[in-house]
N, C-alpha and C. Protein backbone atom coordinates (compact mmCIF):
# COMPACT_ATOMS: atom_id res chain seq x y z
N MET A 1 18.06 14.46 -4.72
CA MET A 1 18.01 13.38 -5.69
C MET A 1 18.29 13.97 -7.07
N PRO A 2 19.17 13.34 -7.83
CA PRO A 2 19.47 13.85 -9.17
C PRO A 2 18.23 13.88 -10.05
N ALA A 3 18.19 14.86 -10.94
CA ALA A 3 17.04 15.04 -11.83
C ALA A 3 16.77 13.79 -12.66
N SER A 4 17.81 13.09 -13.10
CA SER A 4 17.60 11.91 -13.94
C SER A 4 16.86 10.82 -13.18
N ILE A 5 17.13 10.69 -11.89
CA ILE A 5 16.44 9.69 -11.08
C ILE A 5 14.98 10.10 -10.90
N ARG A 6 14.75 11.37 -10.62
CA ARG A 6 13.36 11.84 -10.45
C ARG A 6 12.57 11.62 -11.73
N GLU A 7 13.18 11.88 -12.87
CA GLU A 7 12.50 11.68 -14.14
C GLU A 7 12.15 10.22 -14.35
N GLU A 8 13.09 9.33 -14.05
CA GLU A 8 12.86 7.90 -14.25
C GLU A 8 11.77 7.40 -13.31
N VAL A 9 11.82 7.79 -12.06
CA VAL A 9 10.79 7.38 -11.11
C VAL A 9 9.44 7.92 -11.56
N GLY A 10 9.39 9.16 -11.97
CA GLY A 10 8.14 9.73 -12.46
C GLY A 10 7.62 8.98 -13.66
N HIS A 11 8.52 8.61 -14.56
CA HIS A 11 8.14 7.84 -15.74
C HIS A 11 7.56 6.49 -15.34
N LEU A 12 8.23 5.78 -14.43
CA LEU A 12 7.76 4.47 -14.00
C LEU A 12 6.42 4.57 -13.29
N LEU A 13 6.27 5.56 -12.42
CA LEU A 13 5.03 5.74 -11.70
C LEU A 13 3.90 6.06 -12.67
N GLY A 14 4.18 6.92 -13.63
CA GLY A 14 3.16 7.25 -14.63
C GLY A 14 2.73 6.03 -15.41
N SER A 15 3.67 5.16 -15.75
CA SER A 15 3.35 3.94 -16.47
C SER A 15 2.49 3.01 -15.62
N ALA A 16 2.82 2.90 -14.34
CA ALA A 16 2.06 2.03 -13.45
C ALA A 16 0.64 2.53 -13.30
N VAL A 17 0.47 3.81 -13.18
CA VAL A 17 -0.87 4.38 -13.06
C VAL A 17 -1.65 4.15 -14.34
N ALA A 18 -1.00 4.34 -15.47
CA ALA A 18 -1.66 4.16 -16.76
C ALA A 18 -2.10 2.70 -16.94
N ARG A 19 -1.31 1.76 -16.44
CA ARG A 19 -1.66 0.34 -16.57
C ARG A 19 -2.52 -0.14 -15.40
N ASN A 20 -2.78 0.76 -14.43
CA ASN A 20 -3.56 0.42 -13.25
C ASN A 20 -2.92 -0.73 -12.48
N THR A 21 -1.58 -0.71 -12.34
CA THR A 21 -0.90 -1.77 -11.62
C THR A 21 -0.58 -1.37 -10.19
N LEU A 22 -0.89 -0.13 -9.82
CA LEU A 22 -0.72 0.25 -8.43
C LEU A 22 -1.90 -0.33 -7.65
N THR A 23 -1.60 -1.03 -6.59
CA THR A 23 -2.68 -1.61 -5.80
C THR A 23 -2.67 -0.99 -4.42
N ARG A 24 -3.82 -0.94 -3.83
CA ARG A 24 -3.95 -0.40 -2.50
C ARG A 24 -4.86 -1.34 -1.72
N LEU A 25 -4.41 -1.69 -0.54
CA LEU A 25 -5.20 -2.56 0.30
C LEU A 25 -6.39 -1.80 0.87
N HIS A 26 -7.51 -2.47 0.97
CA HIS A 26 -8.69 -1.91 1.59
C HIS A 26 -9.16 -2.87 2.68
N CYS A 27 -9.66 -2.32 3.74
CA CYS A 27 -10.16 -3.11 4.86
C CYS A 27 -11.35 -3.95 4.41
N PRO A 28 -11.31 -5.26 4.68
CA PRO A 28 -12.44 -6.10 4.29
C PRO A 28 -13.68 -5.84 5.15
N SER A 29 -13.51 -5.17 6.28
CA SER A 29 -14.63 -4.91 7.16
C SER A 29 -15.36 -3.61 6.81
N CYS A 30 -14.60 -2.51 6.66
CA CYS A 30 -15.25 -1.21 6.41
C CYS A 30 -14.95 -0.62 5.05
N GLY A 31 -13.97 -1.20 4.32
CA GLY A 31 -13.64 -0.72 2.99
C GLY A 31 -12.66 0.45 2.95
N SER A 32 -12.20 0.89 4.11
CA SER A 32 -11.27 2.02 4.18
C SER A 32 -9.92 1.65 3.56
N GLY A 33 -9.26 2.63 2.98
CA GLY A 33 -7.92 2.45 2.43
C GLY A 33 -6.84 2.76 3.44
N HIS A 34 -7.22 3.07 4.67
CA HIS A 34 -6.26 3.40 5.72
C HIS A 34 -5.82 2.11 6.41
N VAL A 35 -4.88 1.42 5.78
CA VAL A 35 -4.43 0.11 6.26
C VAL A 35 -2.94 0.16 6.54
N ALA A 36 -2.55 -0.36 7.70
CA ALA A 36 -1.14 -0.43 8.07
C ALA A 36 -0.68 -1.88 8.07
N GLN A 37 0.55 -2.09 7.62
CA GLN A 37 1.14 -3.41 7.63
C GLN A 37 1.91 -3.55 8.94
N VAL A 38 1.68 -4.63 9.68
CA VAL A 38 2.33 -4.83 10.97
C VAL A 38 2.92 -6.23 11.03
N LEU A 39 3.89 -6.40 11.91
CA LEU A 39 4.51 -7.70 12.12
C LEU A 39 3.64 -8.49 13.08
N GLY A 40 3.23 -9.68 12.67
CA GLY A 40 2.36 -10.51 13.50
C GLY A 40 3.11 -11.18 14.64
N ASP A 41 2.38 -11.82 15.54
CA ASP A 41 2.97 -12.48 16.71
C ASP A 41 3.94 -13.58 16.32
N ASN A 42 3.66 -14.30 15.27
CA ASN A 42 4.51 -15.42 14.85
C ASN A 42 5.56 -15.00 13.82
N GLY A 43 5.74 -13.70 13.63
CA GLY A 43 6.71 -13.20 12.67
C GLY A 43 6.16 -13.00 11.29
N GLY A 44 4.90 -13.34 11.08
CA GLY A 44 4.26 -13.14 9.78
C GLY A 44 3.80 -11.70 9.61
N ILE A 45 3.23 -11.43 8.47
CA ILE A 45 2.74 -10.09 8.17
C ILE A 45 1.23 -10.05 8.44
N SER A 46 0.81 -9.04 9.13
CA SER A 46 -0.62 -8.81 9.36
C SER A 46 -0.95 -7.39 8.95
N TYR A 47 -2.22 -7.09 8.87
CA TYR A 47 -2.68 -5.77 8.49
C TYR A 47 -3.70 -5.30 9.51
N VAL A 48 -3.74 -4.00 9.73
CA VAL A 48 -4.74 -3.42 10.63
C VAL A 48 -5.30 -2.16 9.98
N CYS A 49 -6.60 -2.03 10.06
CA CYS A 49 -7.28 -0.85 9.54
C CYS A 49 -7.21 0.23 10.61
N THR A 50 -6.64 1.37 10.26
CA THR A 50 -6.52 2.45 11.24
C THR A 50 -7.82 3.23 11.36
N ALA A 51 -8.80 2.94 10.51
CA ALA A 51 -10.09 3.60 10.59
C ALA A 51 -11.03 2.88 11.57
N CYS A 52 -11.09 1.54 11.46
CA CYS A 52 -12.05 0.80 12.30
C CYS A 52 -11.40 -0.16 13.29
N GLY A 53 -10.09 -0.41 13.14
CA GLY A 53 -9.39 -1.30 14.08
C GLY A 53 -9.40 -2.76 13.69
N HIS A 54 -10.07 -3.13 12.61
CA HIS A 54 -10.11 -4.53 12.16
C HIS A 54 -8.69 -4.98 11.77
N SER A 55 -8.32 -6.20 12.16
CA SER A 55 -7.00 -6.72 11.77
C SER A 55 -7.18 -8.06 11.09
N TRP A 56 -6.27 -8.36 10.16
CA TRP A 56 -6.30 -9.62 9.42
C TRP A 56 -4.92 -9.93 8.90
N SER A 57 -4.76 -11.15 8.43
CA SER A 57 -3.47 -11.54 7.84
C SER A 57 -3.69 -12.34 6.58
């Protein structure tokens, strides 16, 4: 990856962290941040906690 792209991505990421705009999903059951996004049975998006196995959409 060209240096200019790495610099720009780093700049954007740094700005997002500074503004606290990076979000991370947490399991509503156990609070773990180990969450995977999966395709649901009806084509929708669902989530599953890889720590406790809880799933939700």
